[in-house]
mmCIF file of all heavy atoms, coordinates in Angstrom:
data_MODEL
# 
_entry.id   MODEL 
# 
loop_
_atom_site.group_PDB 
_atom_site.id 
_atom_site.type_symbol 
_atom_site.label_atom_id 
_atom_site.label_alt_id 
_atom_site.label_comp_id 
_atom_site.label_asym_id 
_atom_site.label_entity_id 
_atom_site.label_seq_id 
_atom_site.pdbx_PDB_ins_code 
_atom_site.Cartn_x 
_atom_site.Cartn_y 
_atom_site.Cartn_z 
_atom_site.occupancy 
_atom_site.B_iso_or_equiv 
_atom_site.pdbx_formal_charge 
_atom_site.auth_seq_id 
_atom_site.auth_comp_id 
_atom_site.auth_asym_id 
_atom_site.auth_atom_id 
_atom_site.pdbx_PDB_model_num 
ATOM 1   N N   . VAL A 1 1  ? 57.036 89.009 266.019 1.00 0.00 ? 1  VAL A N   1 
ATOM 2   C CA  . VAL A 1 1  ? 56.596 88.366 267.251 1.00 0.00 ? 1  VAL A CA  1 
ATOM 3   C C   . VAL A 1 1  ? 56.539 89.388 268.391 1.00 0.00 ? 1  VAL A C   1 
ATOM 4   O O   . VAL A 1 1  ? 55.631 89.361 269.226 1.00 0.00 ? 1  VAL A O   1 
ATOM 5   C CB  . VAL A 1 1  ? 57.514 87.182 267.608 1.00 0.00 ? 1  VAL A CB  1 
ATOM 6   C CG1 . VAL A 1 1  ? 57.107 86.555 268.941 1.00 0.00 ? 1  VAL A CG1 1 
ATOM 7   C CG2 . VAL A 1 1  ? 57.469 86.121 266.501 1.00 0.00 ? 1  VAL A CG2 1 
ATOM 8   N N   . GLY A 1 2  ? 57.509 90.294 268.404 1.00 0.00 ? 2  GLY A N   1 
ATOM 9   C CA  . GLY A 1 2  ? 57.466 91.364 269.396 1.00 0.00 ? 2  GLY A CA  1 
ATOM 10  C C   . GLY A 1 2  ? 56.210 92.207 269.266 1.00 0.00 ? 2  GLY A C   1 
ATOM 11  O O   . GLY A 1 2  ? 55.613 92.621 270.275 1.00 0.00 ? 2  GLY A O   1 
ATOM 12  N N   . GLU A 1 3  ? 55.797 92.441 268.039 1.00 0.00 ? 3  GLU A N   1 
ATOM 13  C CA  . GLU A 1 3  ? 54.549 93.168 267.798 1.00 0.00 ? 3  GLU A CA  1 
ATOM 14  C C   . GLU A 1 3  ? 53.370 92.390 268.373 1.00 0.00 ? 3  GLU A C   1 
ATOM 15  O O   . GLU A 1 3  ? 52.462 92.967 268.977 1.00 0.00 ? 3  GLU A O   1 
ATOM 16  C CB  . GLU A 1 3  ? 54.379 93.371 266.288 1.00 0.00 ? 3  GLU A CB  1 
ATOM 17  C CG  . GLU A 1 3  ? 53.267 94.301 265.885 1.00 0.00 ? 3  GLU A CG  1 
ATOM 18  C CD  . GLU A 1 3  ? 53.234 94.511 264.382 1.00 0.00 ? 3  GLU A CD  1 
ATOM 19  O OE1 . GLU A 1 3  ? 53.283 93.510 263.631 1.00 0.00 ? 3  GLU A OE1 1 
ATOM 20  O OE2 . GLU A 1 3  ? 53.152 95.675 263.950 1.00 0.00 ? 3  GLU A OE2 1 
ATOM 21  N N   . GLY A 1 4  ? 53.390 91.070 268.211 1.00 0.00 ? 4  GLY A N   1 
ATOM 22  C CA  . GLY A 1 4  ? 52.339 90.246 268.788 1.00 0.00 ? 4  GLY A CA  1 
ATOM 23  C C   . GLY A 1 4  ? 52.328 90.315 270.303 1.00 0.00 ? 4  GLY A C   1 
ATOM 24  O O   . GLY A 1 4  ? 51.268 90.297 270.932 1.00 0.00 ? 4  GLY A O   1 
ATOM 25  N N   . CYS A 1 5  ? 53.511 90.417 270.893 1.00 0.00 ? 5  CYS A N   1 
ATOM 26  C CA  . CYS A 1 5  ? 53.615 90.492 272.352 1.00 0.00 ? 5  CYS A CA  1 
ATOM 27  C C   . CYS A 1 5  ? 53.219 91.864 272.889 1.00 0.00 ? 5  CYS A C   1 
ATOM 28  O O   . CYS A 1 5  ? 53.078 92.031 274.106 1.00 0.00 ? 5  CYS A O   1 
ATOM 29  C CB  . CYS A 1 5  ? 55.045 90.160 272.797 1.00 0.00 ? 5  CYS A CB  1 
ATOM 30  S SG  . CYS A 1 5  ? 55.494 88.435 272.577 1.00 0.00 ? 5  CYS A SG  1 
ATOM 31  N N   . ARG A 1 6  ? 53.057 92.834 272.001 1.00 0.00 ? 6  ARG A N   1 
ATOM 32  C CA  . ARG A 1 6  ? 52.560 94.156 272.409 1.00 0.00 ? 6  ARG A CA  1 
ATOM 33  C C   . ARG A 1 6  ? 51.073 94.319 272.127 1.00 0.00 ? 6  ARG A C   1 
ATOM 34  O O   . ARG A 1 6  ? 50.483 95.343 272.461 1.00 0.00 ? 6  ARG A O   1 
ATOM 35  C CB  . ARG A 1 6  ? 53.346 95.260 271.692 1.00 0.00 ? 6  ARG A CB  1 
ATOM 36  C CG  . ARG A 1 6  ? 54.798 95.357 272.094 1.00 0.00 ? 6  ARG A CG  1 
ATOM 37  C CD  . ARG A 1 6  ? 55.485 96.557 271.471 1.00 0.00 ? 6  ARG A CD  1 
ATOM 38  N NE  . ARG A 1 6  ? 55.640 96.434 270.021 1.00 0.00 ? 6  ARG A NE  1 
ATOM 39  C CZ  . ARG A 1 6  ? 56.657 95.828 269.425 1.00 0.00 ? 6  ARG A CZ  1 
ATOM 40  N NH1 . ARG A 1 6  ? 57.613 95.282 270.154 1.00 0.00 ? 6  ARG A NH1 1 
ATOM 41  N NH2 . ARG A 1 6  ? 56.729 95.759 268.109 1.00 0.00 ? 6  ARG A NH2 1 
ATOM 42  N N   . SER A 1 7  ? 50.465 93.302 271.527 1.00 0.00 ? 7  SER A N   1 
ATOM 43  C CA  . SER A 1 7  ? 49.065 93.391 271.141 1.00 0.00 ? 7  SER A CA  1 
ATOM 44  C C   . SER A 1 7  ? 48.139 93.390 272.359 1.00 0.00 ? 7  SER A C   1 
ATOM 45  O O   . SER A 1 7  ? 48.409 92.733 273.371 1.00 0.00 ? 7  SER A O   1 
ATOM 46  C CB  . SER A 1 7  ? 48.699 92.209 270.241 1.00 0.00 ? 7  SER A CB  1 
ATOM 47  O OG  . SER A 1 7  ? 47.319 92.216 269.935 1.00 0.00 ? 7  SER A OG  1 
ATOM 48  N N   . ASN A 1 8  ? 47.048 94.130 272.244 1.00 0.00 ? 8  ASN A N   1 
ATOM 49  C CA  . ASN A 1 8  ? 46.014 94.098 273.274 1.00 0.00 ? 8  ASN A CA  1 
ATOM 50  C C   . ASN A 1 8  ? 44.987 92.999 273.027 1.00 0.00 ? 8  ASN A C   1 
ATOM 51  O O   . ASN A 1 8  ? 44.077 92.820 273.834 1.00 0.00 ? 8  ASN A O   1 
ATOM 52  C CB  . ASN A 1 8  ? 45.307 95.456 273.349 1.00 0.00 ? 8  ASN A CB  1 
ATOM 53  C CG  . ASN A 1 8  ? 46.199 96.535 273.930 1.00 0.00 ? 8  ASN A CG  1 
ATOM 54  O OD1 . ASN A 1 8  ? 46.963 96.287 274.855 1.00 0.00 ? 8  ASN A OD1 1 
ATOM 55  N ND2 . ASN A 1 8  ? 46.112 97.737 273.382 1.00 0.00 ? 8  ASN A ND2 1 
ATOM 56  N N   . MET A 1 9  ? 45.134 92.290 271.908 1.00 0.00 ? 9  MET A N   1 
ATOM 57  C CA  . MET A 1 9  ? 44.244 91.159 271.621 1.00 0.00 ? 9  MET A CA  1 
ATOM 58  C C   . MET A 1 9  ? 44.830 89.919 272.275 1.00 0.00 ? 9  MET A C   1 
ATOM 59  O O   . MET A 1 9  ? 45.921 89.472 271.913 1.00 0.00 ? 9  MET A O   1 
ATOM 60  C CB  . MET A 1 9  ? 44.100 90.973 270.114 1.00 0.00 ? 9  MET A CB  1 
ATOM 61  C CG  . MET A 1 9  ? 43.380 92.109 269.428 1.00 0.00 ? 9  MET A CG  1 
ATOM 62  S SD  . MET A 1 9  ? 43.143 91.843 267.636 1.00 0.00 ? 9  MET A SD  1 
ATOM 63  C CE  . MET A 1 9  ? 44.829 92.086 267.040 1.00 0.00 ? 9  MET A CE  1 
ATOM 64  N N   . ARG A 1 10 ? 44.103 89.377 273.209 1.00 0.00 ? 10 ARG A N   1 
ATOM 65  C CA  . ARG A 1 10 ? 44.637 88.249 273.968 1.00 0.00 ? 10 ARG A CA  1 
ATOM 66  C C   . ARG A 1 10 ? 44.963 87.058 273.075 1.00 0.00 ? 10 ARG A C   1 
ATOM 67  O O   . ARG A 1 10 ? 45.976 86.376 273.290 1.00 0.00 ? 10 ARG A O   1 
ATOM 68  C CB  . ARG A 1 10 ? 43.650 87.835 275.065 1.00 0.00 ? 10 ARG A CB  1 
ATOM 69  C CG  . ARG A 1 10 ? 44.120 86.645 275.871 1.00 0.00 ? 10 ARG A CG  1 
ATOM 70  C CD  . ARG A 1 10 ? 43.277 86.403 277.092 1.00 0.00 ? 10 ARG A CD  1 
ATOM 71  N NE  . ARG A 1 10 ? 43.617 85.118 277.704 1.00 0.00 ? 10 ARG A NE  1 
ATOM 72  C CZ  . ARG A 1 10 ? 43.136 84.711 278.880 1.00 0.00 ? 10 ARG A CZ  1 
ATOM 73  N NH1 . ARG A 1 10 ? 42.308 85.465 279.559 1.00 0.00 ? 10 ARG A NH1 1 
ATOM 74  N NH2 . ARG A 1 10 ? 43.484 83.519 279.361 1.00 0.00 ? 10 ARG A NH2 1 
ATOM 75  N N   . THR A 1 11 ? 44.129 86.796 272.070 1.00 0.00 ? 11 THR A N   1 
ATOM 76  C CA  . THR A 1 11 ? 44.396 85.656 271.196 1.00 0.00 ? 11 THR A CA  1 
ATOM 77  C C   . THR A 1 11 ? 45.744 85.807 270.487 1.00 0.00 ? 11 THR A C   1 
ATOM 78  O O   . THR A 1 11 ? 46.507 84.848 270.369 1.00 0.00 ? 11 THR A O   1 
ATOM 79  C CB  . THR A 1 11 ? 43.290 85.514 270.146 1.00 0.00 ? 11 THR A CB  1 
ATOM 80  O OG1 . THR A 1 11 ? 43.118 86.764 269.448 1.00 0.00 ? 11 THR A OG1 1 
ATOM 81  C CG2 . THR A 1 11 ? 41.978 85.116 270.781 1.00 0.00 ? 11 THR A CG2 1 
ATOM 82  N N   . VAL A 1 12 ? 46.025 87.011 270.023 1.00 0.00 ? 12 VAL A N   1 
ATOM 83  C CA  . VAL A 1 12 ? 47.291 87.262 269.331 1.00 0.00 ? 12 VAL A CA  1 
ATOM 84  C C   . VAL A 1 12 ? 48.448 87.205 270.313 1.00 0.00 ? 12 VAL A C   1 
ATOM 85  O O   . VAL A 1 12 ? 49.494 86.601 270.031 1.00 0.00 ? 12 VAL A O   1 
ATOM 86  C CB  . VAL A 1 12 ? 47.244 88.625 268.608 1.00 0.00 ? 12 VAL A CB  1 
ATOM 87  C CG1 . VAL A 1 12 ? 48.619 88.990 268.056 1.00 0.00 ? 12 VAL A CG1 1 
ATOM 88  C CG2 . VAL A 1 12 ? 46.215 88.591 267.484 1.00 0.00 ? 12 VAL A CG2 1 
ATOM 89  N N   . PHE A 1 13 ? 48.269 87.821 271.478 1.00 0.00 ? 13 PHE A N   1 
ATOM 90  C CA  . PHE A 1 13 ? 49.351 87.793 272.471 1.00 0.00 ? 13 PHE A CA  1 
ATOM 91  C C   . PHE A 1 13 ? 49.704 86.365 272.863 1.00 0.00 ? 13 PHE A C   1 
ATOM 92  O O   . PHE A 1 13 ? 50.882 85.984 272.897 1.00 0.00 ? 13 PHE A O   1 
ATOM 93  C CB  . PHE A 1 13 ? 48.974 88.589 273.720 1.00 0.00 ? 13 PHE A CB  1 
ATOM 94  C CG  . PHE A 1 13 ? 50.033 88.502 274.794 1.00 0.00 ? 13 PHE A CG  1 
ATOM 95  C CD1 . PHE A 1 13 ? 51.095 89.392 274.815 1.00 0.00 ? 13 PHE A CD1 1 
ATOM 96  C CD2 . PHE A 1 13 ? 50.003 87.491 275.751 1.00 0.00 ? 13 PHE A CD2 1 
ATOM 97  C CE1 . PHE A 1 13 ? 52.098 89.289 275.760 1.00 0.00 ? 13 PHE A CE1 1 
ATOM 98  C CE2 . PHE A 1 13 ? 51.006 87.372 276.702 1.00 0.00 ? 13 PHE A CE2 1 
ATOM 99  C CZ  . PHE A 1 13 ? 52.052 88.275 276.708 1.00 0.00 ? 13 PHE A CZ  1 
ATOM 100 N N   . GLU A 1 14 ? 48.693 85.566 273.176 1.00 0.00 ? 14 GLU A N   1 
ATOM 101 C CA  . GLU A 1 14 ? 48.969 84.185 273.603 1.00 0.00 ? 14 GLU A CA  1 
ATOM 102 C C   . GLU A 1 14 ? 49.639 83.383 272.496 1.00 0.00 ? 14 GLU A C   1 
ATOM 103 O O   . GLU A 1 14 ? 50.541 82.589 272.760 1.00 0.00 ? 14 GLU A O   1 
ATOM 104 C CB  . GLU A 1 14 ? 47.680 83.499 274.058 1.00 0.00 ? 14 GLU A CB  1 
ATOM 105 C CG  . GLU A 1 14 ? 47.153 84.017 275.381 1.00 0.00 ? 14 GLU A CG  1 
ATOM 106 C CD  . GLU A 1 14 ? 46.082 83.114 275.977 1.00 0.00 ? 14 GLU A CD  1 
ATOM 107 O OE1 . GLU A 1 14 ? 46.048 81.914 275.630 1.00 0.00 ? 14 GLU A OE1 1 
ATOM 108 O OE2 . GLU A 1 14 ? 45.284 83.606 276.796 1.00 0.00 ? 14 GLU A OE2 1 
ATOM 109 N N   . ALA A 1 15 ? 49.223 83.597 271.265 1.00 0.00 ? 15 ALA A N   1 
ATOM 110 C CA  . ALA A 1 15 ? 49.842 82.869 270.153 1.00 0.00 ? 15 ALA A CA  1 
ATOM 111 C C   . ALA A 1 15 ? 51.305 83.250 269.998 1.00 0.00 ? 15 ALA A C   1 
ATOM 112 O O   . ALA A 1 15 ? 52.147 82.418 269.638 1.00 0.00 ? 15 ALA A O   1 
ATOM 113 C CB  . ALA A 1 15 ? 49.084 83.155 268.857 1.00 0.00 ? 15 ALA A CB  1 
ATOM 114 N N   . ALA A 1 16 ? 51.628 84.508 270.286 1.00 0.00 ? 16 ALA A N   1 
ATOM 115 C CA  . ALA A 1 16 ? 53.011 84.978 270.151 1.00 0.00 ? 16 ALA A CA  1 
ATOM 116 C C   . ALA A 1 16 ? 53.877 84.568 271.332 1.00 0.00 ? 16 ALA A C   1 
ATOM 117 O O   . ALA A 1 16 ? 55.054 84.217 271.152 1.00 0.00 ? 16 ALA A O   1 
ATOM 118 C CB  . ALA A 1 16 ? 53.023 86.495 270.002 1.00 0.00 ? 16 ALA A CB  1 
ATOM 119 N N   . ALA A 1 17 ? 53.316 84.599 272.545 1.00 0.00 ? 17 ALA A N   1 
ATOM 120 C CA  . ALA A 1 17 ? 54.143 84.503 273.745 1.00 0.00 ? 17 ALA A CA  1 
ATOM 121 C C   . ALA A 1 17 ? 54.024 83.203 274.526 1.00 0.00 ? 17 ALA A C   1 
ATOM 122 O O   . ALA A 1 17 ? 54.951 82.850 275.265 1.00 0.00 ? 17 ALA A O   1 
ATOM 123 C CB  . ALA A 1 17 ? 53.807 85.672 274.687 1.00 0.00 ? 17 ALA A CB  1 
ATOM 124 N N   . CYS A 1 18 ? 52.913 82.510 274.413 1.00 0.00 ? 18 CYS A N   1 
ATOM 125 C CA  . CYS A 1 18 ? 52.655 81.360 275.287 1.00 0.00 ? 18 CYS A CA  1 
ATOM 126 C C   . CYS A 1 18 ? 52.853 80.030 274.555 1.00 0.00 ? 18 CYS A C   1 
ATOM 127 O O   . CYS A 1 18 ? 52.586 79.917 273.363 1.00 0.00 ? 18 CYS A O   1 
ATOM 128 C CB  . CYS A 1 18 ? 51.226 81.422 275.825 1.00 0.00 ? 18 CYS A CB  1 
ATOM 129 S SG  . CYS A 1 18 ? 50.879 82.876 276.834 1.00 0.00 ? 18 CYS A SG  1 
ATOM 130 N N   . ASP A 1 19 ? 53.336 79.045 275.305 1.00 0.00 ? 19 ASP A N   1 
ATOM 131 C CA  . ASP A 1 19 ? 53.440 77.664 274.812 1.00 0.00 ? 19 ASP A CA  1 
ATOM 132 C C   . ASP A 1 19 ? 54.378 77.529 273.623 1.00 0.00 ? 19 ASP A C   1 
ATOM 133 O O   . ASP A 1 19 ? 54.228 76.630 272.793 1.00 0.00 ? 19 ASP A O   1 
ATOM 134 C CB  . ASP A 1 19 ? 52.052 77.124 274.422 1.00 0.00 ? 19 ASP A CB  1 
ATOM 135 C CG  . ASP A 1 19 ? 51.048 77.227 275.555 1.00 0.00 ? 19 ASP A CG  1 
ATOM 136 O OD1 . ASP A 1 19 ? 51.459 77.068 276.716 1.00 0.00 ? 19 ASP A OD1 1 
ATOM 137 O OD2 . ASP A 1 19 ? 49.865 77.480 275.285 1.00 0.00 ? 19 ASP A OD2 1 
ATOM 138 N N   . THR A 1 20 ? 55.340 78.420 273.526 1.00 0.00 ? 20 THR A N   1 
ATOM 139 C CA  . THR A 1 20 ? 56.288 78.422 272.421 1.00 0.00 ? 20 THR A CA  1 
ATOM 140 C C   . THR A 1 20 ? 57.690 78.723 272.949 1.00 0.00 ? 20 THR A C   1 
ATOM 141 O O   . THR A 1 20 ? 57.826 79.484 273.921 1.00 0.00 ? 20 THR A O   1 
ATOM 142 C CB  . THR A 1 20 ? 55.896 79.484 271.368 1.00 0.00 ? 20 THR A CB  1 
ATOM 143 O OG1 . THR A 1 20 ? 56.953 79.615 270.402 1.00 0.00 ? 20 THR A OG1 1 
ATOM 144 C CG2 . THR A 1 20 ? 55.670 80.847 272.001 1.00 0.00 ? 20 THR A CG2 1 
ATOM 145 N N   . PRO A 1 21 ? 58.715 78.169 272.330 1.00 0.00 ? 21 PRO A N   1 
ATOM 146 C CA  . PRO A 1 21 ? 60.077 78.482 272.760 1.00 0.00 ? 21 PRO A CA  1 
ATOM 147 C C   . PRO A 1 21 ? 60.620 79.774 272.152 1.00 0.00 ? 21 PRO A C   1 
ATOM 148 O O   . PRO A 1 21 ? 61.776 80.120 272.374 1.00 0.00 ? 21 PRO A O   1 
ATOM 149 C CB  . PRO A 1 21 ? 60.873 77.274 272.252 1.00 0.00 ? 21 PRO A CB  1 
ATOM 150 C CG  . PRO A 1 21 ? 60.149 76.856 271.010 1.00 0.00 ? 21 PRO A CG  1 
ATOM 151 C CD  . PRO A 1 21 ? 58.681 77.092 271.306 1.00 0.00 ? 21 PRO A CD  1 
ATOM 152 N N   . TYR A 1 22 ? 59.780 80.494 271.394 1.00 0.00 ? 22 TYR A N   1 
ATOM 153 C CA  . TYR A 1 22 ? 60.309 81.642 270.639 1.00 0.00 ? 22 TYR A CA  1 
ATOM 154 C C   . TYR A 1 22 ? 60.931 82.694 271.553 1.00 0.00 ? 22 TYR A C   1 
ATOM 155 O O   . TYR A 1 22 ? 62.049 83.163 271.316 1.00 0.00 ? 22 TYR A O   1 
ATOM 156 C CB  . TYR A 1 22 ? 59.219 82.287 269.777 1.00 0.00 ? 22 TYR A CB  1 
ATOM 157 C CG  . TYR A 1 22 ? 59.821 83.174 268.699 1.00 0.00 ? 22 TYR A CG  1 
ATOM 158 C CD1 . TYR A 1 22 ? 60.011 82.697 267.411 1.00 0.00 ? 22 TYR A CD1 1 
ATOM 159 C CD2 . TYR A 1 22 ? 60.246 84.482 268.974 1.00 0.00 ? 22 TYR A CD2 1 
ATOM 160 C CE1 . TYR A 1 22 ? 60.596 83.477 266.428 1.00 0.00 ? 22 TYR A CE1 1 
ATOM 161 C CE2 . TYR A 1 22 ? 60.826 85.267 268.006 1.00 0.00 ? 22 TYR A CE2 1 
ATOM 162 C CZ  . TYR A 1 22 ? 61.010 84.756 266.735 1.00 0.00 ? 22 TYR A CZ  1 
ATOM 163 O OH  . TYR A 1 22 ? 61.618 85.541 265.781 1.00 0.00 ? 22 TYR A OH  1 
ATOM 164 N N   . LEU A 1 23 ? 60.225 83.085 272.600 1.00 0.00 ? 23 LEU A N   1 
ATOM 165 C CA  . LEU A 1 23 ? 60.721 84.181 273.444 1.00 0.00 ? 23 LEU A CA  1 
ATOM 166 C C   . LEU A 1 23 ? 62.019 83.813 274.138 1.00 0.00 ? 23 LEU A C   1 
ATOM 167 O O   . LEU A 1 23 ? 62.967 84.616 274.174 1.00 0.00 ? 23 LEU A O   1 
ATOM 168 C CB  . LEU A 1 23 ? 59.660 84.573 274.480 1.00 0.00 ? 23 LEU A CB  1 
ATOM 169 C CG  . LEU A 1 23 ? 58.621 85.605 274.039 1.00 0.00 ? 23 LEU A CG  1 
ATOM 170 C CD1 . LEU A 1 23 ? 57.806 85.099 272.859 1.00 0.00 ? 23 LEU A CD1 1 
ATOM 171 C CD2 . LEU A 1 23 ? 57.702 85.981 275.196 1.00 0.00 ? 23 LEU A CD2 1 
ATOM 172 N N   . GLU A 1 24 ? 62.101 82.600 274.691 1.00 0.00 ? 24 GLU A N   1 
ATOM 173 C CA  . GLU A 1 24 ? 63.314 82.238 275.413 1.00 0.00 ? 24 GLU A CA  1 
ATOM 174 C C   . GLU A 1 24 ? 64.495 82.054 274.476 1.00 0.00 ? 24 GLU A C   1 
ATOM 175 O O   . GLU A 1 24 ? 65.646 82.184 274.893 1.00 0.00 ? 24 GLU A O   1 
ATOM 176 C CB  . GLU A 1 24 ? 63.088 80.983 276.263 1.00 0.00 ? 24 GLU A CB  1 
ATOM 177 C CG  . GLU A 1 24 ? 62.742 79.729 275.507 1.00 0.00 ? 24 GLU A CG  1 
ATOM 178 C CD  . GLU A 1 24 ? 62.555 78.524 276.429 1.00 0.00 ? 24 GLU A CD  1 
ATOM 179 O OE1 . GLU A 1 24 ? 63.202 78.482 277.491 1.00 0.00 ? 24 GLU A OE1 1 
ATOM 180 O OE2 . GLU A 1 24 ? 61.765 77.626 276.082 1.00 0.00 ? 24 GLU A OE2 1 
ATOM 181 N N   . ARG A 1 25 ? 64.234 81.792 273.202 1.00 0.00 ? 25 ARG A N   1 
ATOM 182 C CA  . ARG A 1 25 ? 65.327 81.602 272.245 1.00 0.00 ? 25 ARG A CA  1 
ATOM 183 C C   . ARG A 1 25 ? 65.806 82.910 271.619 1.00 0.00 ? 25 ARG A C   1 
ATOM 184 O O   . ARG A 1 25 ? 66.996 83.085 271.366 1.00 0.00 ? 25 ARG A O   1 
ATOM 185 C CB  . ARG A 1 25 ? 64.896 80.656 271.126 1.00 0.00 ? 25 ARG A CB  1 
ATOM 186 C CG  . ARG A 1 25 ? 64.716 79.220 271.566 1.00 0.00 ? 25 ARG A CG  1 
ATOM 187 C CD  . ARG A 1 25 ? 64.519 78.312 270.363 1.00 0.00 ? 25 ARG A CD  1 
ATOM 188 N NE  . ARG A 1 25 ? 64.358 76.915 270.774 1.00 0.00 ? 25 ARG A NE  1 
ATOM 189 C CZ  . ARG A 1 25 ? 64.400 75.887 269.939 1.00 0.00 ? 25 ARG A CZ  1 
ATOM 190 N NH1 . ARG A 1 25 ? 64.591 76.098 268.639 1.00 0.00 ? 25 ARG A NH1 1 
ATOM 191 N NH2 . ARG A 1 25 ? 64.243 74.657 270.379 1.00 0.00 ? 25 ARG A NH2 1 
ATOM 192 N N   . TYR A 1 26 ? 64.861 83.830 271.368 1.00 0.00 ? 26 TYR A N   1 
ATOM 193 C CA  . TYR A 1 26 ? 65.204 84.965 270.508 1.00 0.00 ? 26 TYR A CA  1 
ATOM 194 C C   . TYR A 1 26 ? 65.009 86.345 271.135 1.00 0.00 ? 26 TYR A C   1 
ATOM 195 O O   . TYR A 1 26 ? 65.461 87.331 270.551 1.00 0.00 ? 26 TYR A O   1 
ATOM 196 C CB  . TYR A 1 26 ? 64.390 84.884 269.207 1.00 0.00 ? 26 TYR A CB  1 
ATOM 197 C CG  . TYR A 1 26 ? 64.597 83.595 268.463 1.00 0.00 ? 26 TYR A CG  1 
ATOM 198 C CD1 . TYR A 1 26 ? 63.556 82.671 268.308 1.00 0.00 ? 26 TYR A CD1 1 
ATOM 199 C CD2 . TYR A 1 26 ? 65.839 83.269 267.919 1.00 0.00 ? 26 TYR A CD2 1 
ATOM 200 C CE1 . TYR A 1 26 ? 63.746 81.480 267.628 1.00 0.00 ? 26 TYR A CE1 1 
ATOM 201 C CE2 . TYR A 1 26 ? 66.038 82.071 267.244 1.00 0.00 ? 26 TYR A CE2 1 
ATOM 202 C CZ  . TYR A 1 26 ? 64.982 81.192 267.100 1.00 0.00 ? 26 TYR A CZ  1 
ATOM 203 O OH  . TYR A 1 26 ? 65.190 80.009 266.431 1.00 0.00 ? 26 TYR A OH  1 
ATOM 204 N N   . PHE A 1 27 ? 64.354 86.454 272.281 1.00 0.00 ? 27 PHE A N   1 
ATOM 205 C CA  . PHE A 1 27 ? 64.129 87.762 272.896 1.00 0.00 ? 27 PHE A CA  1 
ATOM 206 C C   . PHE A 1 27 ? 65.278 88.118 273.828 1.00 0.00 ? 27 PHE A C   1 
ATOM 207 O O   . PHE A 1 27 ? 65.807 87.248 274.542 1.00 0.00 ? 27 PHE A O   1 
ATOM 208 C CB  . PHE A 1 27 ? 62.827 87.757 273.703 1.00 0.00 ? 27 PHE A CB  1 
ATOM 209 C CG  . PHE A 1 27 ? 61.604 88.109 272.897 1.00 0.00 ? 27 PHE A CG  1 
ATOM 210 C CD1 . PHE A 1 27 ? 61.537 87.856 271.535 1.00 0.00 ? 27 PHE A CD1 1 
ATOM 211 C CD2 . PHE A 1 27 ? 60.510 88.687 273.497 1.00 0.00 ? 27 PHE A CD2 1 
ATOM 212 C CE1 . PHE A 1 27 ? 60.410 88.175 270.790 1.00 0.00 ? 27 PHE A CE1 1 
ATOM 213 C CE2 . PHE A 1 27 ? 59.373 89.009 272.778 1.00 0.00 ? 27 PHE A CE2 1 
ATOM 214 C CZ  . PHE A 1 27 ? 59.325 88.762 271.423 1.00 0.00 ? 27 PHE A CZ  1 
ATOM 215 N N   . ASP A 1 28 ? 65.645 89.400 273.851 1.00 0.00 ? 28 ASP A N   1 
ATOM 216 C CA  . ASP A 1 28 ? 66.610 89.852 274.852 1.00 0.00 ? 28 ASP A CA  1 
ATOM 217 C C   . ASP A 1 28 ? 65.878 90.029 276.182 1.00 0.00 ? 28 ASP A C   1 
ATOM 218 O O   . ASP A 1 28 ? 64.644 89.912 276.268 1.00 0.00 ? 28 ASP A O   1 
ATOM 219 C CB  . ASP A 1 28 ? 67.316 91.139 274.413 1.00 0.00 ? 28 ASP A CB  1 
ATOM 220 C CG  . ASP A 1 28 ? 66.353 92.302 274.167 1.00 0.00 ? 28 ASP A CG  1 
ATOM 221 O OD1 . ASP A 1 28 ? 65.268 92.349 274.775 1.00 0.00 ? 28 ASP A OD1 1 
ATOM 222 O OD2 . ASP A 1 28 ? 66.706 93.186 273.363 1.00 0.00 ? 28 ASP A OD2 1 
ATOM 223 N N   . ASP A 1 29 ? 66.637 90.308 277.241 1.00 0.00 ? 29 ASP A N   1 
ATOM 224 C CA  . ASP A 1 29 ? 66.047 90.357 278.580 1.00 0.00 ? 29 ASP A CA  1 
ATOM 225 C C   . ASP A 1 29 ? 64.952 91.418 278.688 1.00 0.00 ? 29 ASP A C   1 
ATOM 226 O O   . ASP A 1 29 ? 63.902 91.181 279.296 1.00 0.00 ? 29 ASP A O   1 
ATOM 227 C CB  . ASP A 1 29 ? 67.129 90.631 279.628 1.00 0.00 ? 29 ASP A CB  1 
ATOM 228 C CG  . ASP A 1 29 ? 68.072 89.451 279.820 1.00 0.00 ? 29 ASP A CG  1 
ATOM 229 O OD1 . ASP A 1 29 ? 67.703 88.337 279.426 1.00 0.00 ? 29 ASP A OD1 1 
ATOM 230 O OD2 . ASP A 1 29 ? 69.185 89.659 280.351 1.00 0.00 ? 29 ASP A OD2 1 
# 
């Protein structure tokens, strides 16, 4: 998921980072 959040492809970035609880649950600050 971190790899997705580093992607320059907006579709991939949004799927990884937006509208999901993943980052707030599993990412460090």
